[in-house]
Amino acid sequence: MNSEAEPLLRLHPAAMVIGALGTIRRSISATVIPGLVFLFSQGLSPWTIALVLAGLAVLAALAAVWGFLSWRATSYGVVGGSFRLRQGVFQKSERTIPLEHVQSVDTVQGIVQRAFGVYEVRVETAGGGTSEPDASLPALGRGATEDLRRGIEGARREPVGAERESGPEVLRRLSTRDLLVAGATSGQIGVALSLLAVGSQVFDEFFSEAFFRNLVDSLAPNALVLALILIPAVALVAWLLAIAGTVLAHFGFTLSREGDFLYIKRGLLERREATIPLRRIQAVRISEGFLRQPFGLASLRVESAGYGEDAGVSAVMFPLLPFDEVQALLREAAPEFAVSPALRELPRRALRRYVFRALIPALVLAAAGALVSFLVFEASFGLLAIGLLPPFALYGWLRFRDAGWALADDRLVVRSRSLARVTVVAPRRRLQSRSVLQSPFQRRLRLATFGTEVASGGGGSALEVTDLGFDDARYLAVALSARADGRREREGALP
């Protein structure tokens, strides 16, 4: 696929079926509500059912014809240093992407693709900033997928020895045990609770308000017992849903490397294979979740410029591993980010600001709770809201204790905490900007906020250290700017 004279290639014939199924799915999604209204307004008579079945048969026939025409109209290839994609039944279009602009060649194998043994191939460019890939081929065989990937990536790397024959080197696999632990400690229970809330709204549609009123009246004498049973039950279901979501997303997670590319395979129902060029990685995030840190566990994410189907969102590099093994994996996968220096702590005078900021929401809640208690219950019940203050103050102290920074081996390391403790490693040359901000309250304590940014997707990802010493913030800004200016001077002679 390297010659101008070489013809473009066609998709696998399974693309006809996949295209037809996509047309049927979109048509049904657009007509399901009007169809149900018509069906129930006319009643479930034999004539109505026959009419609906006839409409579905016509839709299937038209979708099959459209799938065939779309398959015939689509062709692709790597020609003259560019990836070309032609498509369109009535309105023809041709997309040409220079190979040097291609960010990655990712594959997705959904249930339909797995049934036919084919892959959906997604070509992403470095400037991609939307949720959709720049070019998508819905069905290629395994051999055609590998040929396309080699045709694109071969222009950007030189294979060494038998690298092509041996394939990518597997660096680490996620075991079934670790997968379940990752789900149990993922902290996604909030997402699962929202799903349960949506499900409860659907449940409301099938039962009247009188039904719930009678149910509450009958259970009112045992409300405390009911709450003690119901709340743990809902939490357990949400926790199990969080585990199930993690299993579906990260089943079979495998991290491999070949040359200057990382490969990630994952997924149970929908198998995904993503490519991450090392040259595009801007920063690595080491996240120790609130539930994982006591067990010494962490996850790795990468910020990659212009990468991923969710632009501007970091991609999972590895979902769960012991924190003590993070540096060893980084040395194999992305050596530029393998560094673990001793971090400089924040000055002691910053502690009061961290605690005060943490106490603000607690004070608001305590005031609201006291007011409600005074109006509804006895005034003494309002004092219970004061119990919120110690845990919030402890949270502020934890944020202060875990914050830190270091500038070592030409890399900036920043650590902070929200619920999870996150350490970010970014090489100097990846930093896009530097800033030192100082509010009047910080100026009084000779504190400042240092901020910088790395490119990520269509935007940027911020790295920030709040309330470090003003001299330290100025040192970081000057040191990083001086290095950046020196690099620009060295590159000034380049065309």
Protein backbone atom coordinates (compact mmCIF):
# COMPACT_ATOMS: atom_id res chain seq x y z
CA MET A 1 0.00 0.00 0.00
CA ASN A 2 2.82 2.41 -0.75
CA SER A 3 2.53 3.10 -4.44
CA GLU A 4 0.50 5.82 -6.13
CA ALA A 5 -0.56 3.31 -8.79
CA GLU A 6 -1.78 0.75 -6.28
CA PRO A 7 -5.62 0.65 -6.11
CA LEU A 8 -7.48 1.30 -2.91
CA LEU A 9 -8.82 -1.67 -0.94
CA ARG A 10 -12.34 -2.64 0.04
CA LEU A 11 -13.69 -3.42 3.47
CA HIS A 12 -14.48 -6.94 4.62
CA PRO A 13 -17.91 -8.11 3.32
CA ALA A 14 -19.11 -8.15 6.94
CA ALA A 15 -19.26 -4.36 6.63
CA MET A 16 -22.51 -4.81 4.68
CA VAL A 17 -24.17 -6.53 7.64
CA ILE A 18 -22.71 -4.07 10.16
CA GLY A 19 -23.89 -1.13 8.06
CA ALA A 20 -27.38 -2.62 7.71
CA LEU A 21 -27.64 -3.24 11.46
CA GLY A 22 -26.52 0.33 12.13
CA THR A 23 -29.21 1.67 9.80
CA ILE A 24 -31.87 -0.46 11.50
CA ARG A 25 -30.74 0.65 14.96
CA ARG A 26 -30.83 4.35 14.03
CA SER A 27 -34.23 4.01 12.37
CA ILE A 28 -35.75 2.20 15.32
CA SER A 29 -34.29 4.76 17.76
CA ALA A 30 -35.92 7.57 15.76
CA THR A 31 -39.34 5.87 15.42
CA VAL A 32 -39.74 3.83 18.61
CA ILE A 33 -41.82 6.42 20.50
CA PRO A 34 -44.19 7.28 17.59
CA GLY A 35 -44.44 3.55 16.84
CA LEU A 36 -45.47 2.68 20.40
CA VAL A 37 -48.01 5.50 20.44
CA PHE A 38 -49.52 4.21 17.19
CA LEU A 39 -49.47 0.60 18.38
CA PHE A 40 -51.33 1.27 21.64
CA SER A 41 -53.72 3.81 20.11
CA GLN A 42 -54.86 1.28 17.52
CA GLY A 43 -54.93 -1.63 19.92
CA LEU A 44 -53.14 -4.97 19.55
CA SER A 45 -55.33 -6.17 16.70
CA PRO A 46 -54.02 -8.69 14.10
CA TRP A 47 -54.12 -5.94 11.47
CA THR A 48 -51.92 -3.62 13.58
CA ILE A 49 -49.41 -6.36 14.35
CA ALA A 50 -49.24 -7.36 10.66
CA LEU A 51 -48.67 -3.72 9.69
CA VAL A 52 -45.80 -3.37 12.19
CA LEU A 53 -44.19 -6.62 11.00
CA ALA A 54 -44.49 -5.50 7.36
CA GLY A 55 -42.84 -2.19 8.23
CA LEU A 56 -39.96 -4.00 9.94
CA ALA A 57 -39.53 -6.26 6.90
CA VAL A 58 -39.38 -3.26 4.56
CA LEU A 59 -36.90 -1.53 6.89
CA ALA A 60 -34.67 -4.63 6.95
CA ALA A 61 -34.74 -4.89 3.13
CA LEU A 62 -33.90 -1.22 2.64
CA ALA A 63 -31.15 -1.43 5.27
CA ALA A 64 -29.62 -4.45 3.50
CA VAL A 65 -29.57 -2.58 0.18
CA TRP A 66 -28.03 0.47 1.83
CA GLY A 67 -25.41 -1.67 3.55
CA PHE A 68 -24.39 -3.18 0.20
CA LEU A 69 -24.22 0.21 -1.53
CA SER A 70 -22.18 1.70 1.33
CA TRP A 71 -19.76 -1.24 1.21
CA ARG A 72 -19.24 -0.81 -2.56
CA ALA A 73 -18.74 2.93 -2.19
CA THR A 74 -16.08 2.65 0.54
CA SER A 75 -12.40 2.04 -0.14
CA TYR A 76 -9.19 2.88 1.68
CA GLY A 77 -5.42 2.63 1.44
CA VAL A 78 -2.03 4.11 2.23
CA VAL A 79 -0.94 5.87 -0.95
CA GLY A 80 1.85 8.35 -1.53
CA GLY A 81 2.57 9.02 2.16
CA SER A 82 -1.09 9.55 3.06
CA PHE A 83 -4.04 7.53 4.31
CA ARG A 84 -7.00 7.84 1.96
CA LEU A 85 -10.63 6.98 2.60
CA ARG A 86 -13.33 7.21 -0.07
CA GLN A 87 -16.98 6.79 0.84
CA GLY A 88 -20.48 8.02 0.08
CA VAL A 89 -23.33 6.44 -1.88
CA PHE A 90 -24.94 9.55 -3.39
CA GLN A 91 -22.48 12.22 -2.30
CA LYS A 92 -18.92 11.03 -2.83
CA SER A 93 -16.18 12.19 -0.47
CA GLU A 94 -12.48 11.45 -0.10
CA ARG A 95 -10.51 12.04 3.07
CA THR A 96 -6.71 12.33 2.82
CA ILE A 97 -4.63 12.30 6.02
CA PRO A 98 -0.83 12.69 5.80
CA LEU A 99 0.85 9.88 7.72
CA GLU A 100 2.83 12.29 9.87
CA HIS A 101 -0.48 13.66 11.20
CA VAL A 102 -1.80 10.26 12.24
CA GLN A 103 -1.81 9.95 16.02
CA SER A 104 -2.86 6.32 16.41
CA VAL A 105 -4.53 3.36 14.74
CA ASP A 106 -6.94 1.82 17.27
CA THR A 107 -9.19 -1.20 16.93
CA VAL A 108 -12.56 -1.98 18.50
CA GLN A 109 -14.20 -5.39 18.30
CA GLY A 110 -17.83 -5.27 19.34
CA ILE A 111 -20.18 -8.22 19.57
CA VAL A 112 -21.10 -8.09 15.87
CA GLN A 113 -17.47 -7.75 14.78
CA ARG A 114 -16.50 -10.69 16.98
CA ALA A 115 -19.20 -12.84 15.35
CA PHE A 116 -17.56 -12.24 11.94
CA GLY A 117 -13.96 -12.23 13.19
CA VAL A 118 -13.35 -8.63 12.02
CA TYR A 119 -12.33 -5.34 13.63
CA GLU A 120 -13.42 -1.72 13.50
CA VAL A 121 -10.32 0.37 12.82
CA ARG A 122 -10.20 3.99 13.97
CA VAL A 123 -7.58 6.39 12.65
CA GLU A 124 -6.94 9.33 14.99
CA THR A 125 -4.98 12.45 14.10
CA ALA A 126 -2.87 14.58 16.42
CA GLY A 127 -5.34 17.44 16.07
CA GLY A 128 -8.39 15.38 16.92
CA GLY A 129 -10.60 17.21 19.36
CA THR A 130 -13.95 15.47 19.12
CA SER A 131 -15.40 12.25 20.46
CA GLU A 132 -15.52 10.74 16.96
CA PRO A 133 -12.44 9.31 15.20
CA ASP A 134 -11.11 11.17 12.16
CA ALA A 135 -11.63 8.06 10.01
CA SER A 136 -13.38 4.81 10.83
CA LEU A 137 -13.39 1.51 8.94
CA PRO A 138 -16.21 -0.66 10.35
CA ALA A 139 -14.93 -4.08 9.26
CA LEU A 140 -11.41 -5.27 8.42
CA GLY A 141 -10.00 -8.75 8.80
CA ARG A 142 -7.08 -9.33 11.15
CA GLY A 143 -4.56 -9.45 8.33
CA ALA A 144 -5.89 -6.27 6.69
CA THR A 145 -5.86 -4.53 10.08
CA GLU A 146 -2.20 -5.41 10.67
CA ASP A 147 -1.26 -4.38 7.12
CA LEU A 148 -2.94 -1.00 7.57
CA ARG A 149 -1.28 -0.43 10.93
CA ARG A 150 2.13 -1.34 9.52
CA GLY A 151 1.56 0.85 6.48
CA ILE A 152 0.82 3.85 8.70
CA GLU A 153 3.20 3.27 11.60
CA GLY A 154 6.00 1.99 9.38
CA ALA A 155 6.50 5.52 8.11
CA ARG A 156 7.21 6.71 11.65
CA ARG A 157 9.52 4.04 13.04
CA GLU A 158 12.24 1.66 12.08
CA PRO A 159 11.74 -1.90 13.31
CA VAL A 160 14.75 -3.48 14.93
CA GLY A 161 15.74 -7.07 14.24
CA ALA A 162 12.85 -9.48 14.44
CA GLU A 163 10.60 -6.96 16.14
CA ARG A 164 7.92 -7.27 13.47
CA GLU A 165 7.89 -11.05 13.64
CA SER A 166 7.81 -11.31 17.41
CA GLY A 167 5.18 -8.59 17.87
CA PRO A 168 4.85 -6.21 20.83
CA GLU A 169 6.43 -7.23 24.11
CA VAL A 170 3.84 -7.78 26.84
CA LEU A 171 4.82 -5.69 29.86
CA ARG A 172 1.99 -6.51 32.24
CA ARG A 173 -1.42 -8.22 32.33
CA LEU A 174 -4.23 -7.57 34.77
CA SER A 175 -5.13 -10.79 36.55
CA THR A 176 -8.72 -11.75 37.36
CA ARG A 177 -8.09 -11.19 41.07
CA ASP A 178 -6.68 -7.71 40.48
CA LEU A 179 -9.58 -6.95 38.13
CA LEU A 180 -12.09 -7.68 40.89
CA VAL A 181 -10.04 -5.68 43.41
CA ALA A 182 -9.92 -2.78 40.92
CA GLY A 183 -13.70 -2.86 40.65
CA ALA A 184 -14.23 -3.12 44.40
CA THR A 185 -11.93 -0.15 45.08
CA SER A 186 -12.69 1.94 41.99
CA GLY A 187 -14.73 4.55 43.85
CA GLN A 188 -17.37 4.44 41.09
CA ILE A 189 -20.18 3.71 43.53
CA GLY A 190 -21.51 7.23 42.95
CA VAL A 191 -22.00 6.48 39.25
CA ALA A 192 -23.76 3.25 40.16
CA LEU A 193 -26.03 5.10 42.59
CA SER A 194 -27.03 7.50 39.81
CA LEU A 195 -27.93 4.52 37.64
CA LEU A 196 -30.09 3.20 40.48
CA ALA A 197 -31.73 6.61 40.75
CA VAL A 198 -32.59 6.53 37.04
CA GLY A 199 -33.93 3.01 37.52
CA SER A 200 -36.11 4.19 40.40
CA GLN A 201 -37.65 6.85 38.15
CA VAL A 202 -38.54 4.16 35.65
CA PHE A 203 -39.97 2.13 38.55
CA ASP A 204 -42.14 5.12 39.49
CA GLU A 205 -43.83 5.02 36.09
CA PHE A 206 -45.36 1.61 36.81
CA PHE A 207 -46.72 2.30 40.31
CA SER A 208 -49.09 5.00 41.44
CA GLU A 209 -48.43 7.60 44.11
CA ALA A 210 -51.15 5.98 46.26
CA PHE A 211 -49.23 2.71 46.18
CA PHE A 212 -46.12 4.34 47.61
CA ARG A 213 -48.15 6.28 50.18
CA ASN A 214 -49.79 3.10 51.45
CA LEU A 215 -46.41 1.36 51.48
CA VAL A 216 -44.84 4.14 53.57
CA ASP A 217 -47.80 4.19 55.98
CA SER A 218 -47.58 0.44 56.52
CA LEU A 219 -43.83 0.56 57.10
CA ALA A 220 -43.77 3.75 59.17
CA PRO A 221 -43.71 1.98 62.56
CA ASN A 222 -40.60 0.11 61.46
CA ALA A 223 -38.97 2.98 59.57
CA LEU A 224 -35.68 2.72 61.46
CA VAL A 225 -35.42 -1.02 60.84
CA LEU A 226 -36.32 -0.48 57.19
CA ALA A 227 -33.62 2.20 56.81
CA LEU A 228 -31.02 -0.03 58.45
CA ILE A 229 -31.86 -2.76 55.90
CA LEU A 230 -32.51 -0.65 52.80
CA ILE A 231 -29.48 1.67 52.92
CA PRO A 232 -26.89 -1.15 53.14
CA ALA A 233 -28.81 -3.09 50.44
CA VAL A 234 -28.74 -0.12 48.03
CA ALA A 235 -25.05 0.47 48.79
CA LEU A 236 -24.30 -3.21 48.15
CA VAL A 237 -26.12 -3.20 44.80
CA ALA A 238 -24.31 0.01 43.77
CA TRP A 239 -20.98 -1.53 44.79
CA LEU A 240 -21.69 -4.67 42.73
CA LEU A 241 -22.65 -2.51 39.74
CA ALA A 242 -19.34 -0.63 40.07
CA ILE A 243 -17.46 -3.94 40.06
CA ALA A 244 -19.42 -5.13 37.02
CA GLY A 245 -18.66 -1.90 35.13
CA THR A 246 -14.94 -2.25 35.83
CA VAL A 247 -14.98 -5.91 34.71
CA LEU A 248 -16.71 -4.99 31.43
CA ALA A 249 -14.27 -2.14 30.72
CA HIS A 250 -10.94 -3.67 31.81
CA PHE A 251 -11.33 -7.42 31.36
CA GLY A 252 -8.15 -8.88 29.83
CA PHE A 253 -6.26 -5.58 30.24
CA THR A 254 -2.83 -6.01 28.66
CA LEU A 255 -0.08 -3.39 28.30
CA SER A 256 2.50 -4.04 25.58
CA ARG A 257 5.28 -2.09 23.94
CA GLU A 258 6.91 -2.25 20.53
CA GLY A 259 9.51 0.36 19.66
CA ASP A 260 8.13 3.80 20.50
CA PHE A 261 4.52 2.67 20.80
CA LEU A 262 2.46 1.36 23.68
CA TYR A 263 -0.46 -0.99 22.98
CA ILE A 264 -3.42 -1.48 25.30
CA LYS A 265 -5.96 -4.29 24.94
CA ARG A 266 -9.05 -4.45 27.14
CA GLY A 267 -12.78 -5.15 27.26
CA LEU A 268 -15.15 -8.07 27.78
CA LEU A 269 -18.16 -7.50 25.51
CA GLU A 270 -16.40 -4.90 23.37
CA ARG A 271 -12.72 -5.58 22.88
CA ARG A 272 -10.56 -2.51 22.33
CA GLU A 273 -6.96 -2.18 21.23
CA ALA A 274 -5.44 1.29 21.49
CA THR A 275 -2.10 2.67 20.37
CA ILE A 276 -0.26 5.36 22.37
CA PRO A 277 2.88 6.85 20.77
CA LEU A 278 5.43 7.58 23.47
CA ARG A 279 6.33 10.88 21.81
CA ARG A 280 2.77 12.09 22.42
CA ILE A 281 2.66 11.37 26.16
CA GLN A 282 2.76 14.69 28.01
CA ALA A 283 2.43 13.52 31.62
CA VAL A 284 1.82 10.44 33.74
CA ARG A 285 -0.61 10.45 36.67
CA ILE A 286 -0.16 8.01 39.55
CA SER A 287 -3.46 7.87 41.40
CA GLU A 288 -3.85 6.30 44.84
CA GLY A 289 -7.59 6.09 45.40
CA PHE A 290 -9.12 6.66 48.82
CA LEU A 291 -9.96 2.96 49.09
CA ARG A 292 -6.70 1.81 47.50
CA GLN A 293 -4.08 3.82 49.35
CA PRO A 294 -4.41 1.86 52.65
CA PHE A 295 -3.60 -1.31 50.67
CA GLY A 296 -0.66 0.24 48.80
CA LEU A 297 -2.43 0.14 45.41
CA ALA A 298 -2.44 2.67 42.59
CA SER A 299 -3.48 3.19 38.98
CA LEU A 300 -1.59 4.78 36.08
CA ARG A 301 -3.01 7.22 33.56
CA VAL A 302 -1.38 9.15 30.75
CA GLU A 303 -2.07 12.61 29.37
CA SER A 304 -1.50 12.35 25.64
CA ALA A 305 -1.74 15.26 23.23
CA GLY A 306 -4.50 14.84 20.70
CA TYR A 307 -5.08 11.21 21.66
CA GLY A 308 -8.13 9.23 22.44
CA GLU A 309 -11.79 9.13 21.55
CA ASP A 310 -12.44 11.36 24.56
CA ALA A 311 -10.23 14.31 23.80
CA GLY A 312 -8.79 16.09 26.81
CA VAL A 313 -9.35 13.12 29.12
CA SER A 314 -6.43 11.03 30.32
CA ALA A 315 -6.27 7.40 29.20
CA VAL A 316 -5.76 4.44 31.51
CA MET A 317 -2.24 3.08 31.20
CA PHE A 318 -2.78 0.37 33.83
CA PRO A 319 -5.83 0.17 36.12
CA LEU A 320 -4.34 -1.40 39.25
CA LEU A 321 -0.91 -2.38 40.55
CA PRO A 322 1.05 -2.14 43.82
CA PHE A 323 2.41 1.36 44.32
CA ASP A 324 5.89 -0.08 44.92
CA GLU A 325 5.86 -1.50 41.35
CA VAL A 326 4.89 1.71 39.56
CA GLN A 327 8.44 2.87 38.86
CA ALA A 328 9.49 -0.55 37.56
CA LEU A 329 6.61 -0.56 35.08
CA LEU A 330 7.34 3.01 33.98
CA ARG A 331 10.99 2.15 33.36
CA GLU A 332 9.83 -0.51 30.89
CA ALA A 333 6.86 1.30 29.37
CA ALA A 334 7.77 5.02 29.44
CA PRO A 335 11.29 5.55 30.87
CA GLU A 336 11.09 9.33 30.49
CA PHE A 337 8.53 9.41 33.32
CA ALA A 338 10.24 6.95 35.68
CA VAL A 339 11.35 9.20 38.52
CA SER A 340 10.51 9.24 42.22
CA PRO A 341 12.38 12.05 44.00
CA ALA A 342 11.84 13.17 47.57
CA LEU A 343 9.17 15.87 47.42
CA ARG A 344 9.48 19.27 49.06
CA GLU A 345 6.68 19.84 51.55
CA LEU A 346 4.63 23.01 51.88
CA PRO A 347 5.58 25.51 54.61
CA ARG A 348 3.83 25.01 57.93
CA ARG A 349 2.11 28.39 57.69
CA ALA A 350 0.03 27.05 54.76
CA LEU A 351 -1.74 24.52 57.02
CA ARG A 352 -4.28 27.03 58.33
CA ARG A 353 -5.37 27.90 54.78
CA TYR A 354 -5.86 24.24 53.82
CA VAL A 355 -7.91 23.57 56.96
CA PHE A 356 -9.98 26.73 56.55
CA ARG A 357 -10.84 25.95 52.91
CA ALA A 358 -11.89 22.44 53.92
CA LEU A 359 -14.07 23.79 56.74
CA ILE A 360 -16.06 26.22 54.56
CA PRO A 361 -18.58 23.63 53.23
CA ALA A 362 -18.79 22.05 56.70
CA LEU A 363 -19.60 25.45 58.27
CA VAL A 364 -22.31 26.07 55.66
CA LEU A 365 -23.83 22.64 56.28
CA ALA A 366 -23.60 23.10 60.04
CA ALA A 367 -25.35 26.47 59.86
CA ALA A 368 -28.10 25.08 57.63
CA GLY A 369 -28.50 22.03 59.86
CA ALA A 370 -28.68 24.18 62.98
CA LEU A 371 -31.34 26.42 61.41
CA VAL A 372 -33.49 23.47 60.29
CA SER A 373 -33.10 21.79 63.67
CA PHE A 374 -34.10 24.98 65.49
CA LEU A 375 -37.23 25.41 63.36
CA VAL A 376 -38.33 21.78 63.22
CA PHE A 377 -36.87 20.07 66.27
CA GLU A 378 -35.46 21.20 69.56
CA ALA A 379 -32.59 23.65 69.35
CA SER A 380 -30.19 21.18 70.94
CA PHE A 381 -30.37 18.99 67.87
CA GLY A 382 -28.59 21.73 65.90
CA LEU A 383 -25.44 21.05 67.88
CA LEU A 384 -25.17 17.68 66.14
CA ALA A 385 -24.17 19.49 62.95
CA ILE A 386 -20.99 20.59 64.69
CA GLY A 387 -19.86 16.97 64.38
CA LEU A 388 -19.12 17.69 60.71
CA LEU A 389 -16.24 20.01 61.58
CA PRO A 390 -13.60 17.51 62.81
CA PRO A 391 -13.71 15.20 59.72
CA PHE A 392 -13.61 18.18 57.35
CA ALA A 393 -10.69 19.68 59.28
CA LEU A 394 -8.93 16.30 59.07
CA TYR A 395 -9.48 16.32 55.31
CA GLY A 396 -7.85 19.75 55.07
CA TRP A 397 -4.87 18.49 57.08
CA LEU A 398 -4.55 15.46 54.78
CA ARG A 399 -4.52 17.72 51.71
CA PHE A 400 -1.79 19.83 53.29
CA ARG A 401 0.27 16.80 54.33
CA ASP A 402 0.14 15.14 50.89
CA ALA A 403 0.86 18.25 48.80
CA GLY A 404 4.41 18.59 47.52
CA TRP A 405 6.64 19.15 44.52
CA ALA A 406 10.07 18.41 43.11
CA LEU A 407 12.15 19.39 40.11
CA ALA A 408 14.58 16.57 39.42
CA ASP A 409 16.25 15.00 36.41
CA ASP A 410 14.65 17.54 34.08
CA ARG A 411 11.15 16.54 35.22
CA LEU A 412 8.55 18.31 37.32
CA VAL A 413 6.78 16.17 39.92
CA VAL A 414 3.63 17.51 41.62
CA ARG A 415 1.54 15.73 44.25
CA SER A 416 -1.90 16.74 45.54
CA ARG A 417 -5.03 15.22 47.02
CA SER A 418 -8.75 15.53 46.47
CA LEU A 419 -10.18 12.19 47.62
CA ALA A 420 -7.40 10.32 45.85
CA ARG A 421 -3.73 11.19 46.22
CA VAL A 422 -2.37 11.98 42.76
CA THR A 423 1.25 12.34 41.70
CA VAL A 424 1.91 13.86 38.27
CA VAL A 425 5.21 13.54 36.42
CA ALA A 426 5.83 15.87 33.46
CA PRO A 427 9.13 16.55 31.63
CA ARG A 428 10.12 20.19 31.39
CA ARG A 429 9.90 20.15 27.61
CA ARG A 430 6.23 19.14 27.77
CA LEU A 431 5.16 22.14 29.87
CA GLN A 432 3.12 24.67 27.91
CA SER A 433 2.93 27.58 30.38
CA ARG A 434 3.98 28.71 33.83
CA SER A 435 2.25 31.09 36.25
CA VAL A 436 2.61 32.38 39.81
CA LEU A 437 -0.56 33.72 41.41
CA GLN A 438 -0.74 35.44 44.79
CA SER A 439 -3.92 36.62 46.49
CA PRO A 440 -3.87 39.34 49.19
CA PHE A 441 -4.28 36.66 51.88
CA GLN A 442 -1.38 34.64 50.43
CA ARG A 443 0.76 37.75 50.17
CA ARG A 444 0.40 38.33 53.90
CA LEU A 445 1.81 34.83 54.58
CA ARG A 446 4.35 34.95 51.69
CA LEU A 447 2.58 32.09 49.92
CA ALA A 448 1.62 31.66 46.27
CA THR A 449 0.02 29.23 43.82
CA PHE A 450 2.24 27.86 41.07
CA GLY A 451 0.50 26.54 37.95
CA THR A 452 1.58 24.98 34.69
CA GLU A 453 -0.09 23.06 31.89
CA VAL A 454 0.60 20.22 29.50
CA ALA A 455 -1.14 19.58 26.20
CA SER A 456 -3.90 17.00 26.40
CA GLY A 457 -6.45 16.22 23.70
CA GLY A 458 -8.12 19.34 22.34
CA GLY A 459 -7.16 21.42 25.39
CA GLY A 460 -4.77 21.18 28.26
CA SER A 461 -4.36 19.57 31.65
CA ALA A 462 -3.35 21.76 34.58
CA LEU A 463 -0.73 20.98 37.21
CA GLU A 464 -0.96 23.15 40.29
CA VAL A 465 0.64 23.55 43.70
CA THR A 466 -1.43 25.69 46.05
CA ASP A 467 0.08 27.65 48.92
CA LEU A 468 3.73 26.83 48.49
CA GLY A 469 6.28 29.37 49.60
CA PHE A 470 6.45 32.44 47.34
CA ASP A 471 10.20 32.02 46.86
CA ASP A 472 9.68 28.39 45.82
CA ALA A 473 6.94 29.37 43.35
CA ARG A 474 9.15 32.05 41.82
CA TYR A 475 12.06 29.60 41.66
CA LEU A 476 9.94 27.09 39.73
CA ALA A 477 8.70 29.73 37.29
CA VAL A 478 12.18 31.12 36.64
CA ALA A 479 13.90 27.72 36.44
CA LEU A 480 11.35 26.28 34.02
CA SER A 481 11.22 29.45 31.92
CA ALA A 482 15.00 29.64 31.71
CA ARG A 483 15.18 26.07 30.49
CA ALA A 484 12.40 26.72 27.99
CA ASP A 485 14.12 29.86 26.70
CA GLY A 486 17.38 27.95 26.32
CA ARG A 487 15.62 25.24 24.36
CA ARG A 488 14.02 27.83 22.04
CA GLU A 489 17.44 29.41 21.47
CA ARG A 490 18.93 26.02 20.53
CA GLU A 491 16.04 25.35 18.18
CA GLY A 492 16.06 28.85 16.69
CA ALA A 493 18.44 27.87 13.91
CA LEU A 494 16.17 25.06 12.80
CA PRO A 495 13.88 25.75 9.84
